[in-house]
């Protein structure tokens, strides 16, 4: 049992609230994709040394609670010196960013990438991991975030200014090595057009269809179908759809081992100073509705964190 110290609002909870998540949990359910807290008690077969340890866990649902019961194998130790809220911003977002950059796209130092939503929860972590690796980053965001992105070393582009692919091509005439796209919809074509020969498009969401009606599976299936078709074209470019739970196809033990390994890498990057947690706001759990409204407002940079 983990006593929750920090959980958060990600895009997944926003989709679940609307009943639009691809792998939608049935109502009623408790949201909360990930959490950080302290182990208070362990069950049979689990060593007592876990009690009192601060851990992180990826749960998909259930994190917005004072106490959460998880399988001990799913608890990942949080290194000393990292605060609960800071660690929380890097669980789902950090694993996602790390795996997309280093396991999916495998971009090398000296490469150039495009990160859509560079000021967002996943985007801000991805940007920092890439910059620390020696990768040039072009980041899409609304103009009010451009100065902050420039200060980090990102080359910002306004995603609403029209013909996004052409404006990225002005910054990278030969195309980019990877594009990370959480938007989906019609804009995915622009992301494909940005790629250089040998480049990779990593799609990991359908934010453009968040408020649509009808089937919640269809936008994702349509997107995956388009990515598959592009992959079979003889053009030297590649696509991939990233879903964190797809790794379970490796087997439960390998999936858990990879999560532990990759989250450890993210925490190590934090301790080195390569990345800084982006906390947009901290609100108490009994203001969860306010937290969701804020996260959905499109006015923030970073992640909204809920605390007890």
C-alpha atoms as a PDB file:
ATOM      1  CA  UNK A   1       0.000   0.000   0.000  1.00  0.00           C
ATOM      2  CA  UNK A   2       1.290   3.418  -1.032  1.00  0.00           C
ATOM      3  CA  UNK A   3       0.306   6.609   0.769  1.00  0.00           C
ATOM      4  CA  UNK A   4      -0.049   9.025  -2.139  1.00  0.00           C
ATOM      5  CA  UNK A   5       2.111  12.151  -1.953  1.00  0.00           C
ATOM      6  CA  UNK A   6       1.713  13.361  -5.531  1.00  0.00           C
ATOM      7  CA  UNK A   7      -0.316  12.384  -8.573  1.00  0.00           C
ATOM      8  CA  UNK A   8      -1.176  14.393 -11.648  1.00  0.00           C
ATOM      9  CA  UNK A   9      -3.422  15.331 -14.551  1.00  0.00           C
ATOM     10  CA  UNK A  10      -2.244  14.059 -17.915  1.00  0.00           C
ATOM     11  CA  UNK A  11      -3.931  14.133 -21.309  1.00  0.00           C
ATOM     12  CA  UNK A  12      -5.127  10.579 -20.684  1.00  0.00           C
ATOM     13  CA  UNK A  13      -7.333  11.711 -17.797  1.00  0.00           C
ATOM     14  CA  UNK A  14      -8.737  14.482 -19.968  1.00  0.00           C
ATOM     15  CA  UNK A  15      -9.749  11.923 -22.584  1.00  0.00           C
ATOM     16  CA  UNK A  16     -11.105   9.508 -19.975  1.00  0.00           C
ATOM     17  CA  UNK A  17     -13.284  12.241 -18.459  1.00  0.00           C
ATOM     18  CA  UNK A  18     -14.964  12.625 -21.837  1.00  0.00           C
ATOM     19  CA  UNK A  19     -15.164   8.883 -22.407  1.00  0.00           C
ATOM     20  CA  UNK A  20     -12.787   9.348 -25.365  1.00  0.00           C
ATOM     21  CA  UNK A  21      -9.761   7.335 -24.251  1.00  0.00           C
ATOM     22  CA  UNK A  22      -8.861   4.548 -26.670  1.00  0.00           C
ATOM     23  CA  UNK A  23      -8.654   2.017 -23.820  1.00  0.00           C
ATOM     24  CA  UNK A  24     -11.487   3.664 -21.881  1.00  0.00           C
ATOM     25  CA  UNK A  25     -12.154   2.348 -18.360  1.00  0.00           C
ATOM     26  CA  UNK A  26     -15.851   1.757 -17.620  1.00  0.00           C
ATOM     27  CA  UNK A  27     -17.664   4.273 -15.431  1.00  0.00           C
ATOM     28  CA  UNK A  28     -17.476   4.762 -12.519  1.00  0.00           C
ATOM     29  CA  UNK A  29     -13.689   4.826 -12.063  1.00  0.00           C
ATOM     30  CA  UNK A  30     -11.043   6.767 -10.143  1.00  0.00           C
ATOM     31  CA  UNK A  31      -8.660   8.664 -12.468  1.00  0.00           C
ATOM     32  CA  UNK A  32      -4.935   8.895 -11.901  1.00  0.00           C
ATOM     33  CA  UNK A  33      -2.436   7.422 -14.370  1.00  0.00           C
ATOM     34  CA  UNK A  34       0.601   7.567 -12.100  1.00  0.00           C
ATOM     35  CA  UNK A  35       1.605   8.497  -8.578  1.00  0.00           C
ATOM     36  CA  UNK A  36       4.469   8.907  -6.136  1.00  0.00           C
ATOM     37  CA  UNK A  37       4.215   8.116  -2.461  1.00  0.00           C
ATOM     38  CA  UNK A  38       5.532   6.198   0.531  1.00  0.00           C
ATOM     39  CA  UNK A  39       4.962   2.500   1.142  1.00  0.00           C
ATOM     40  CA  UNK A  40       3.035   2.059   4.381  1.00  0.00           C
ATOM     41  CA  UNK A  41       2.507  -1.716   4.512  1.00  0.00           C
ATOM     42  CA  UNK A  42       3.355  -4.780   2.433  1.00  0.00           C
ATOM     43  CA  UNK A  43       1.451  -8.010   1.901  1.00  0.00           C
ATOM     44  CA  UNK A  44       2.435 -11.644   2.071  1.00  0.00           C
ATOM     45  CA  UNK A  45       5.576 -12.568   0.178  1.00  0.00           C
ATOM     46  CA  UNK A  46       6.923  -9.013   0.027  1.00  0.00           C
ATOM     47  CA  UNK A  47       9.960  -8.059   2.093  1.00  0.00           C
ATOM     48  CA  UNK A  48       9.389  -5.486   4.847  1.00  0.00           C
ATOM     49  CA  UNK A  49      12.300  -3.362   3.598  1.00  0.00           C
ATOM     50  CA  UNK A  50       9.914  -1.573   1.223  1.00  0.00           C
ATOM     51  CA  UNK A  51       8.010  -0.008   4.112  1.00  0.00           C
ATOM     52  CA  UNK A  52       8.931   3.654   4.456  1.00  0.00           C
ATOM     53  CA  UNK A  53      10.415   3.851   0.955  1.00  0.00           C
ATOM     54  CA  UNK A  54       9.310   6.519  -1.515  1.00  0.00           C
ATOM     55  CA  UNK A  55       8.266   4.869  -4.764  1.00  0.00           C
ATOM     56  CA  UNK A  56       6.648   5.710  -8.076  1.00  0.00           C
ATOM     57  CA  UNK A  57       4.008   3.614  -9.811  1.00  0.00           C
ATOM     58  CA  UNK A  58       2.273   3.595 -13.170  1.00  0.00           C
ATOM     59  CA  UNK A  59      -1.323   2.450 -12.618  1.00  0.00           C
ATOM     60  CA  UNK A  60      -3.427   3.916 -15.513  1.00  0.00           C
ATOM     61  CA  UNK A  61      -6.389   4.444 -13.159  1.00  0.00           C
ATOM     62  CA  UNK A  62      -6.731   4.855  -9.412  1.00  0.00           C
ATOM     63  CA  UNK A  63      -3.968   7.348  -8.621  1.00  0.00           C
ATOM     64  CA  UNK A  64      -6.276  10.128  -7.395  1.00  0.00           C
ATOM     65  CA  UNK A  65      -6.657   8.601  -3.950  1.00  0.00           C
ATOM     66  CA  UNK A  66      -5.097   8.950  -0.523  1.00  0.00           C
ATOM     67  CA  UNK A  67      -3.837   5.338  -0.590  1.00  0.00           C
ATOM     68  CA  UNK A  68      -3.295   2.988  -3.520  1.00  0.00           C
ATOM     69  CA  UNK A  69      -2.561  -0.744  -3.504  1.00  0.00           C
ATOM     70  CA  UNK A  70      -0.211  -1.970  -6.233  1.00  0.00           C
ATOM     71  CA  UNK A  71       1.777  -5.075  -7.027  1.00  0.00           C
ATOM     72  CA  UNK A  72       5.176  -4.654  -5.358  1.00  0.00           C
ATOM     73  CA  UNK A  73       6.870  -5.438  -8.682  1.00  0.00           C
ATOM     74  CA  UNK A  74       5.300  -2.280 -10.135  1.00  0.00           C
ATOM     75  CA  UNK A  75       6.781   0.032  -7.498  1.00  0.00           C
ATOM     76  CA  UNK A  76       9.928   1.849  -8.665  1.00  0.00           C
ATOM     77  CA  UNK A  77      12.217   3.400  -6.064  1.00  0.00           C
ATOM     78  CA  UNK A  78      12.550   7.185  -6.174  1.00  0.00           C
ATOM     79  CA  UNK A  79      16.146   8.276  -5.426  1.00  0.00           C
ATOM     80  CA  UNK A  80      16.800  10.274  -2.273  1.00  0.00           C
ATOM     81  CA  UNK A  81      16.745  14.017  -2.760  1.00  0.00           C
ATOM     82  CA  UNK A  82      13.964  14.056  -5.354  1.00  0.00           C
ATOM     83  CA  UNK A  83      10.693  15.554  -4.117  1.00  0.00           C
ATOM     84  CA  UNK A  84       7.414  13.752  -4.614  1.00  0.00           C
ATOM     85  CA  UNK A  85       5.907  16.385  -6.913  1.00  0.00           C
ATOM     86  CA  UNK A  86       9.085  16.639  -8.977  1.00  0.00           C
ATOM     87  CA  UNK A  87       9.261  12.863  -9.340  1.00  0.00           C
ATOM     88  CA  UNK A  88       5.579  12.671 -10.271  1.00  0.00           C
ATOM     89  CA  UNK A  89       6.019  14.914 -13.300  1.00  0.00           C
ATOM     90  CA  UNK A  90       8.530  12.402 -14.662  1.00  0.00           C
ATOM     91  CA  UNK A  91       6.738   9.077 -14.241  1.00  0.00           C
ATOM     92  CA  UNK A  92       4.316   8.809 -17.171  1.00  0.00           C
ATOM     93  CA  UNK A  93       5.763  11.809 -19.003  1.00  0.00           C
ATOM     94  CA  UNK A  94       9.383  10.824 -18.443  1.00  0.00           C
ATOM     95  CA  UNK A  95       9.009   7.194 -19.432  1.00  0.00           C
ATOM     96  CA  UNK A  96       7.046   8.217 -22.530  1.00  0.00           C
ATOM     97  CA  UNK A  97       9.628  10.815 -23.577  1.00  0.00           C
ATOM     98  CA  UNK A  98      12.615   8.538 -22.918  1.00  0.00           C
ATOM     99  CA  UNK A  99      11.199   5.547 -24.749  1.00  0.00           C
ATOM    100  CA  UNK A 100      10.087   7.557 -27.770  1.00  0.00           C
ATOM    101  CA  UNK A 101      13.435   9.316 -28.125  1.00  0.00           C
ATOM    102  CA  UNK A 102      15.788   6.447 -27.338  1.00  0.00           C
ATOM    103  CA  UNK A 103      13.816   3.275 -28.091  1.00  0.00           C
ATOM    104  CA  UNK A 104      11.538   4.310 -30.955  1.00  0.00           C
ATOM    105  CA  UNK A 105      13.263   7.082 -32.926  1.00  0.00           C
ATOM    106  CA  UNK A 106      16.830   6.384 -31.753  1.00  0.00           C
ATOM    107  CA  UNK A 107      17.975   9.876 -32.709  1.00  0.00           C
ATOM    108  CA  UNK A 108      21.743  10.364 -32.489  1.00  0.00           C
ATOM    109  CA  UNK A 109      23.629  13.411 -31.196  1.00  0.00           C
ATOM    110  CA  UNK A 110      23.785  16.059 -33.885  1.00  0.00           C
ATOM    111  CA  UNK A 111      20.361  15.178 -35.249  1.00  0.00           C
ATOM    112  CA  UNK A 112      17.360  17.482 -35.530  1.00  0.00           C
ATOM    113  CA  UNK A 113      13.845  16.753 -34.291  1.00  0.00           C
ATOM    114  CA  UNK A 114      10.429  18.404 -34.139  1.00  0.00           C
ATOM    115  CA  UNK A 115       8.485  18.196 -30.875  1.00  0.00           C
ATOM    116  CA  UNK A 116       4.834  19.198 -31.091  1.00  0.00           C
ATOM    117  CA  UNK A 117       3.536  20.776 -27.898  1.00  0.00           C
ATOM    118  CA  UNK A 118       7.068  21.514 -26.722  1.00  0.00           C
ATOM    119  CA  UNK A 119       5.740  23.291 -23.644  1.00  0.00           C
ATOM    120  CA  UNK A 120       3.483  20.438 -22.525  1.00  0.00           C
ATOM    121  CA  UNK A 121       3.965  17.629 -20.032  1.00  0.00           C
ATOM    122  CA  UNK A 122       5.580  15.053 -22.322  1.00  0.00           C
ATOM    123  CA  UNK A 123       6.906  17.657 -24.751  1.00  0.00           C
ATOM    124  CA  UNK A 124       8.879  19.608 -22.146  1.00  0.00           C
ATOM    125  CA  UNK A 125      10.614  16.454 -20.887  1.00  0.00           C
ATOM    126  CA  UNK A 126      11.312  15.260 -24.419  1.00  0.00           C
ATOM    127  CA  UNK A 127      12.821  18.630 -25.331  1.00  0.00           C
ATOM    128  CA  UNK A 128      15.189  18.576 -22.362  1.00  0.00           C
ATOM    129  CA  UNK A 129      16.278  14.970 -22.884  1.00  0.00           C
ATOM    130  CA  UNK A 130      16.996  15.706 -26.539  1.00  0.00           C
ATOM    131  CA  UNK A 131      18.961  18.889 -25.847  1.00  0.00           C
ATOM    132  CA  UNK A 132      21.036  17.072 -23.215  1.00  0.00           C
ATOM    133  CA  UNK A 133      21.873  14.455 -25.861  1.00  0.00           C
ATOM    134  CA  UNK A 134      23.143  17.081 -28.299  1.00  0.00           C
ATOM    135  CA  UNK A 135      20.076  17.088 -30.540  1.00  0.00           C
ATOM    136  CA  UNK A 136      18.718  20.244 -32.184  1.00  0.00           C
ATOM    137  CA  UNK A 137      15.050  20.789 -31.288  1.00  0.00           C
ATOM    138  CA  UNK A 138      12.358  22.620 -33.233  1.00  0.00           C
ATOM    139  CA  UNK A 139       9.349  22.978 -30.973  1.00  0.00           C
ATOM    140  CA  UNK A 140       5.773  23.875 -31.872  1.00  0.00           C
ATOM    141  CA  UNK A 141       3.820  25.948 -29.363  1.00  0.00           C
ATOM    142  CA  UNK A 142       1.654  29.037 -29.127  1.00  0.00           C
ATOM    143  CA  UNK A 143       3.610  32.346 -29.275  1.00  0.00           C
ATOM    144  CA  UNK A 144       3.272  33.059 -25.550  1.00  0.00           C
ATOM    145  CA  UNK A 145       5.606  30.127 -24.864  1.00  0.00           C
ATOM    146  CA  UNK A 146       8.239  31.017 -27.465  1.00  0.00           C
ATOM    147  CA  UNK A 147      10.515  33.114 -25.248  1.00  0.00           C
ATOM    148  CA  UNK A 148      10.696  30.319 -22.684  1.00  0.00           C
ATOM    149  CA  UNK A 149      11.515  27.792 -25.385  1.00  0.00           C
ATOM    150  CA  UNK A 150      14.192  30.022 -26.905  1.00  0.00           C
ATOM    151  CA  UNK A 151      15.797  30.405 -23.483  1.00  0.00           C
ATOM    152  CA  UNK A 152      16.139  26.616 -23.371  1.00  0.00           C
ATOM    153  CA  UNK A 153      17.750  26.474 -26.800  1.00  0.00           C
ATOM    154  CA  UNK A 154      14.647  25.417 -28.738  1.00  0.00           C
ATOM    155  CA  UNK A 155      13.740  26.919 -32.108  1.00  0.00           C
ATOM    156  CA  UNK A 156      10.025  27.694 -31.663  1.00  0.00           C
ATOM    157  CA  UNK A 157       7.345  27.615 -34.356  1.00  0.00           C
ATOM    158  CA  UNK A 158       3.729  28.779 -34.017  1.00  0.00           C
ATOM    159  CA  UNK A 159       1.608  25.716 -34.734  1.00  0.00           C
ATOM    160  CA  UNK A 160      -1.400  27.875 -35.752  1.00  0.00           C
ATOM    161  CA  UNK A 161       0.301  30.091 -38.339  1.00  0.00           C
ATOM    162  CA  UNK A 162      -0.410  27.857 -41.357  1.00  0.00           C
ATOM    163  CA  UNK A 163       1.671  25.485 -43.534  1.00  0.00           C
ATOM    164  CA  UNK A 164       3.620  24.173 -40.583  1.00  0.00           C
ATOM    165  CA  UNK A 165       5.638  21.745 -42.686  1.00  0.00           C
ATOM    166  CA  UNK A 166       6.918  24.539 -44.942  1.00  0.00           C
ATOM    167  CA  UNK A 167       8.003  26.663 -41.980  1.00  0.00           C
ATOM    168  CA  UNK A 168       9.836  23.728 -40.418  1.00  0.00           C
ATOM    169  CA  UNK A 169      11.526  23.133 -43.773  1.00  0.00           C
ATOM    170  CA  UNK A 170      12.803  26.723 -43.647  1.00  0.00           C
ATOM    171  CA  UNK A 171      14.606  25.837 -40.415  1.00  0.00           C
ATOM    172  CA  UNK A 172      15.678  22.378 -41.612  1.00  0.00           C
ATOM    173  CA  UNK A 173      15.771  22.432 -45.450  1.00  0.00           C
ATOM    174  CA  UNK A 174      16.742  18.796 -45.691  1.00  0.00           C
ATOM    175  CA  UNK A 175      14.051  17.649 -43.295  1.00  0.00           C
ATOM    176  CA  UNK A 176      14.344  16.407 -39.715  1.00  0.00           C
ATOM    177  CA  UNK A 177      15.419  13.113 -38.231  1.00  0.00           C
ATOM    178  CA  UNK A 178      12.281  12.622 -36.143  1.00  0.00           C
ATOM    179  CA  UNK A 179       8.905  14.191 -35.425  1.00  0.00           C
ATOM    180  CA  UNK A 180       7.026  13.512 -32.187  1.00  0.00           C
ATOM    181  CA  UNK A 181       3.316  14.116 -32.736  1.00  0.00           C
ATOM    182  CA  UNK A 182       0.623  13.852 -30.055  1.00  0.00           C
ATOM    183  CA  UNK A 183      -1.963  15.723 -32.125  1.00  0.00           C
ATOM    184  CA  UNK A 184      -2.930  13.273 -34.850  1.00  0.00           C
ATOM    185  CA  UNK A 185      -5.837  14.222 -37.100  1.00  0.00           C
ATOM    186  CA  UNK A 186      -5.135  15.913 -40.419  1.00  0.00           C
ATOM    187  CA  UNK A 187      -1.968  17.503 -39.065  1.00  0.00           C
ATOM    188  CA  UNK A 188      -0.205  14.145 -39.096  1.00  0.00           C
ATOM    189  CA  UNK A 189       0.343  14.672 -42.846  1.00  0.00           C
ATOM    190  CA  UNK A 190       2.380  17.808 -42.099  1.00  0.00           C
ATOM    191  CA  UNK A 191       4.479  15.833 -39.618  1.00  0.00           C
ATOM    192  CA  UNK A 192       5.199  13.216 -42.279  1.00  0.00           C
ATOM    193  CA  UNK A 193       6.231  15.926 -44.759  1.00  0.00           C
ATOM    194  CA  UNK A 194       8.815  17.288 -42.299  1.00  0.00           C
ATOM    195  CA  UNK A 195      10.911  14.120 -42.305  1.00  0.00           C
ATOM    196  CA  UNK A 196      14.274  13.775 -43.962  1.00  0.00           C
ATOM    197  CA  UNK A 197      15.116  10.538 -45.786  1.00  0.00           C
ATOM    198  CA  UNK A 198      15.595   7.901 -43.084  1.00  0.00           C
ATOM    199  CA  UNK A 199      13.598   9.974 -40.586  1.00  0.00           C
ATOM    200  CA  UNK A 200      11.015   8.618 -38.156  1.00  0.00           C
ATOM    201  CA  UNK A 201       7.564   9.907 -37.269  1.00  0.00           C
ATOM    202  CA  UNK A 202       6.499   8.865 -33.759  1.00  0.00           C
ATOM    203  CA  UNK A 203       2.794   9.394 -33.147  1.00  0.00           C
ATOM    204  CA  UNK A 204       1.550   9.067 -29.592  1.00  0.00           C
ATOM    205  CA  UNK A 205      -1.895  10.602 -29.399  1.00  0.00           C
ATOM    206  CA  UNK A 206      -4.950  12.066 -31.085  1.00  0.00           C
ATOM    207  CA  UNK A 207      -5.388  15.405 -29.291  1.00  0.00           C
ATOM    208  CA  UNK A 208      -6.990  16.885 -32.399  1.00  0.00           C
ATOM    209  CA  UNK A 209     -10.009  14.607 -31.940  1.00  0.00           C
ATOM    210  CA  UNK A 210     -10.382  15.053 -28.168  1.00  0.00           C
ATOM    211  CA  UNK A 211     -13.758  16.765 -28.456  1.00  0.00           C
ATOM    212  CA  UNK A 212     -15.135  14.717 -31.359  1.00  0.00           C
ATOM    213  CA  UNK A 213     -18.277  12.634 -31.131  1.00  0.00           C
ATOM    214  CA  UNK A 214     -18.770   9.038 -32.207  1.00  0.00           C
ATOM    215  CA  UNK A 215     -16.383   6.105 -31.904  1.00  0.00           C
ATOM    216  CA  UNK A 216     -13.419   6.679 -29.621  1.00  0.00           C
ATOM    217  CA  UNK A 217     -11.456   3.893 -31.333  1.00  0.00           C
ATOM    218  CA  UNK A 218     -11.908   5.106 -34.898  1.00  0.00           C
ATOM    219  CA  UNK A 219      -9.517   8.119 -34.778  1.00  0.00           C
ATOM    220  CA  UNK A 220      -6.734   5.914 -33.408  1.00  0.00           C
ATOM    221  CA  UNK A 221      -7.398   3.057 -35.819  1.00  0.00           C
ATOM    222  CA  UNK A 222      -7.506   5.479 -38.750  1.00  0.00           C
ATOM    223  CA  UNK A 223      -4.219   7.003 -37.597  1.00  0.00           C
ATOM    224  CA  UNK A 224      -2.537   3.624 -37.179  1.00  0.00           C
ATOM    225  CA  UNK A 225      -3.758   2.583 -40.636  1.00  0.00           C
ATOM    226  CA  UNK A 226      -2.242   5.690 -42.186  1.00  0.00           C
ATOM    227  CA  UNK A 227       1.051   5.112 -40.378  1.00  0.00           C
ATOM    228  CA  UNK A 228       1.113   1.492 -41.566  1.00  0.00           C
ATOM    229  CA  UNK A 229       0.550   2.589 -45.166  1.00  0.00           C
ATOM    230  CA  UNK A 230       3.360   5.139 -45.008  1.00  0.00           C
ATOM    231  CA  UNK A 231       5.659   2.465 -43.604  1.00  0.00           C
ATOM    232  CA  UNK A 232       5.182   0.211 -46.615  1.00  0.00           C
ATOM    233  CA  UNK A 233       5.910   2.991 -49.113  1.00  0.00           C
ATOM    234  CA  UNK A 234       9.447   2.742 -50.601  1.00  0.00           C
ATOM    235  CA  UNK A 235      10.615   6.151 -49.418  1.00  0.00           C
ATOM    236  CA  UNK A 236      13.107   5.348 -46.660  1.00  0.00           C
ATOM    237  CA  UNK A 237      11.079   7.051 -43.945  1.00  0.00           C
ATOM    238  CA  UNK A 238       9.486   5.311 -40.993  1.00  0.00           C
ATOM    239  CA  UNK A 239       6.515   5.679 -38.670  1.00  0.00           C
ATOM    240  CA  UNK A 240       5.661   4.294 -35.259  1.00  0.00           C
ATOM    241  CA  UNK A 241       2.658   4.573 -32.944  1.00  0.00           C
ATOM    242  CA  UNK A 242       3.710   4.746 -29.304  1.00  0.00           C
ATOM    243  CA  UNK A 243       1.473   3.470 -26.500  1.00  0.00           C
ATOM    244  CA  UNK A 244       3.176   2.845 -23.193  1.00  0.00           C
ATOM    245  CA  UNK A 245       1.173  -0.307 -22.396  1.00  0.00           C
ATOM    246  CA  UNK A 246       1.957  -1.877 -25.764  1.00  0.00           C
ATOM    247  CA  UNK A 247       5.227  -2.951 -24.169  1.00  0.00           C
ATOM    248  CA  UNK A 248       3.304  -5.640 -22.308  1.00  0.00           C
ATOM    249  CA  UNK A 249       3.573  -7.713 -25.474  1.00  0.00           C
ATOM    250  CA  UNK A 250       7.176  -8.332 -24.353  1.00  0.00           C
ATOM    251  CA  UNK A 251       5.828 -10.201 -21.326  1.00  0.00           C
ATOM    252  CA  UNK A 252       4.975  -8.845 -17.901  1.00  0.00           C
ATOM    253  CA  UNK A 253       8.442  -9.233 -16.406  1.00  0.00           C
ATOM    254  CA  UNK A 254      10.284  -7.674 -19.355  1.00  0.00           C
ATOM    255  CA  UNK A 255       7.764  -4.837 -19.483  1.00  0.00           C
ATOM    256  CA  UNK A 256       8.307  -4.079 -15.788  1.00  0.00           C
ATOM    257  CA  UNK A 257      12.078  -4.333 -16.114  1.00  0.00           C
ATOM    258  CA  UNK A 258      12.089  -1.874 -19.025  1.00  0.00           C
ATOM    259  CA  UNK A 259       9.907   0.595 -17.127  1.00  0.00           C
ATOM    260  CA  UNK A 260      12.229   0.434 -14.111  1.00  0.00           C
ATOM    261  CA  UNK A 261      15.305   0.844 -16.304  1.00  0.00           C
ATOM    262  CA  UNK A 262      13.913   3.784 -18.274  1.00  0.00           C
ATOM    263  CA  UNK A 263      12.480   5.618 -15.260  1.00  0.00           C
ATOM    264  CA  UNK A 264      15.842   5.187 -13.517  1.00  0.00           C
ATOM    265  CA  UNK A 265      17.480   6.850 -16.538  1.00  0.00           C
ATOM    266  CA  UNK A 266      15.032   9.756 -16.306  1.00  0.00           C
ATOM    267  CA  UNK A 267      15.633  10.195 -12.562  1.00  0.00           C
ATOM    268  CA  UNK A 268      19.381  10.107 -13.216  1.00  0.00           C
ATOM    269  CA  UNK A 269      18.977  12.840 -15.844  1.00  0.00           C
ATOM    270  CA  UNK A 270      17.112  14.897 -13.249  1.00  0.00           C
ATOM    271  CA  UNK A 271      19.883  14.425 -10.700  1.00  0.00           C
ATOM    272  CA  UNK A 272      22.509  15.470 -13.281  1.00  0.00           C
ATOM    273  CA  UNK A 273      20.562  18.627 -14.004  1.00  0.00           C
ATOM    274  CA  UNK A 274      19.825  17.612 -17.589  1.00  0.00           C
ATOM    275  CA  UNK A 275      16.102  18.088 -17.015  1.00  0.00           C
ATOM    276  CA  UNK A 276      14.053  20.274 -14.712  1.00  0.00           C
ATOM    277  CA  UNK A 277      10.535  19.238 -13.698  1.00  0.00           C
ATOM    278  CA  UNK A 278       7.887  21.508 -15.203  1.00  0.00           C
ATOM    279  CA  UNK A 279       5.175  21.893 -12.561  1.00  0.00           C
ATOM    280  CA  UNK A 280       2.411  24.147 -13.843  1.00  0.00           C
ATOM    281  CA  UNK A 281       0.473  24.134 -10.556  1.00  0.00           C
ATOM    282  CA  UNK A 282       0.047  22.161  -7.339  1.00  0.00           C
ATOM    283  CA  UNK A 283      -3.489  21.670  -6.080  1.00  0.00           C
ATOM    284  CA  UNK A 284      -4.904  19.535  -3.258  1.00  0.00           C
ATOM    285  CA  UNK A 285      -6.752  16.372  -4.213  1.00  0.00           C
ATOM    286  CA  UNK A 286     -10.106  17.810  -3.150  1.00  0.00           C
ATOM    287  CA  UNK A 287      -9.688  20.382  -5.944  1.00  0.00           C
ATOM    288  CA  UNK A 288      -9.294  17.758  -8.656  1.00  0.00           C
ATOM    289  CA  UNK A 289     -12.018  19.375 -10.782  1.00  0.00           C
ATOM    290  CA  UNK A 290     -10.143  22.698 -10.749  1.00  0.00           C
ATOM    291  CA  UNK A 291      -6.960  20.851 -11.659  1.00  0.00           C
ATOM    292  CA  UNK A 292      -8.612  19.264 -14.689  1.00  0.00           C
ATOM    293  CA  UNK A 293     -10.053  22.586 -15.834  1.00  0.00           C
ATOM    294  CA  UNK A 294      -6.604  24.150 -15.587  1.00  0.00           C
ATOM    295  CA  UNK A 295      -4.919  21.277 -17.432  1.00  0.00           C
ATOM    296  CA  UNK A 296      -7.508  21.501 -20.220  1.00  0.00           C
ATOM    297  CA  UNK A 297      -7.287  25.288 -20.517  1.00  0.00           C
ATOM    298  CA  UNK A 298      -4.294  25.297 -22.860  1.00  0.00           C
ATOM    299  CA  UNK A 299      -2.760  28.167 -20.896  1.00  0.00           C
ATOM    300  CA  UNK A 300      -0.100  26.327 -18.895  1.00  0.00           C
ATOM    301  CA  UNK A 301       3.381  24.933 -19.348  1.00  0.00           C
ATOM    302  CA  UNK A 302       4.183  21.667 -17.617  1.00  0.00           C
ATOM    303  CA  UNK A 303       2.037  19.350 -15.516  1.00  0.00           C
ATOM    304  CA  UNK A 304      -0.685  19.993 -12.969  1.00  0.00           C
ATOM    305  CA  UNK A 305       0.135  18.031  -9.807  1.00  0.00           C
ATOM    306  CA  UNK A 306      -2.362  16.889  -7.177  1.00  0.00           C
ATOM    307  CA  UNK A 307      -1.266  16.398  -3.565  1.00  0.00           C
ATOM    308  CA  UNK A 308      -3.155  15.071  -0.509  1.00  0.00           C
END
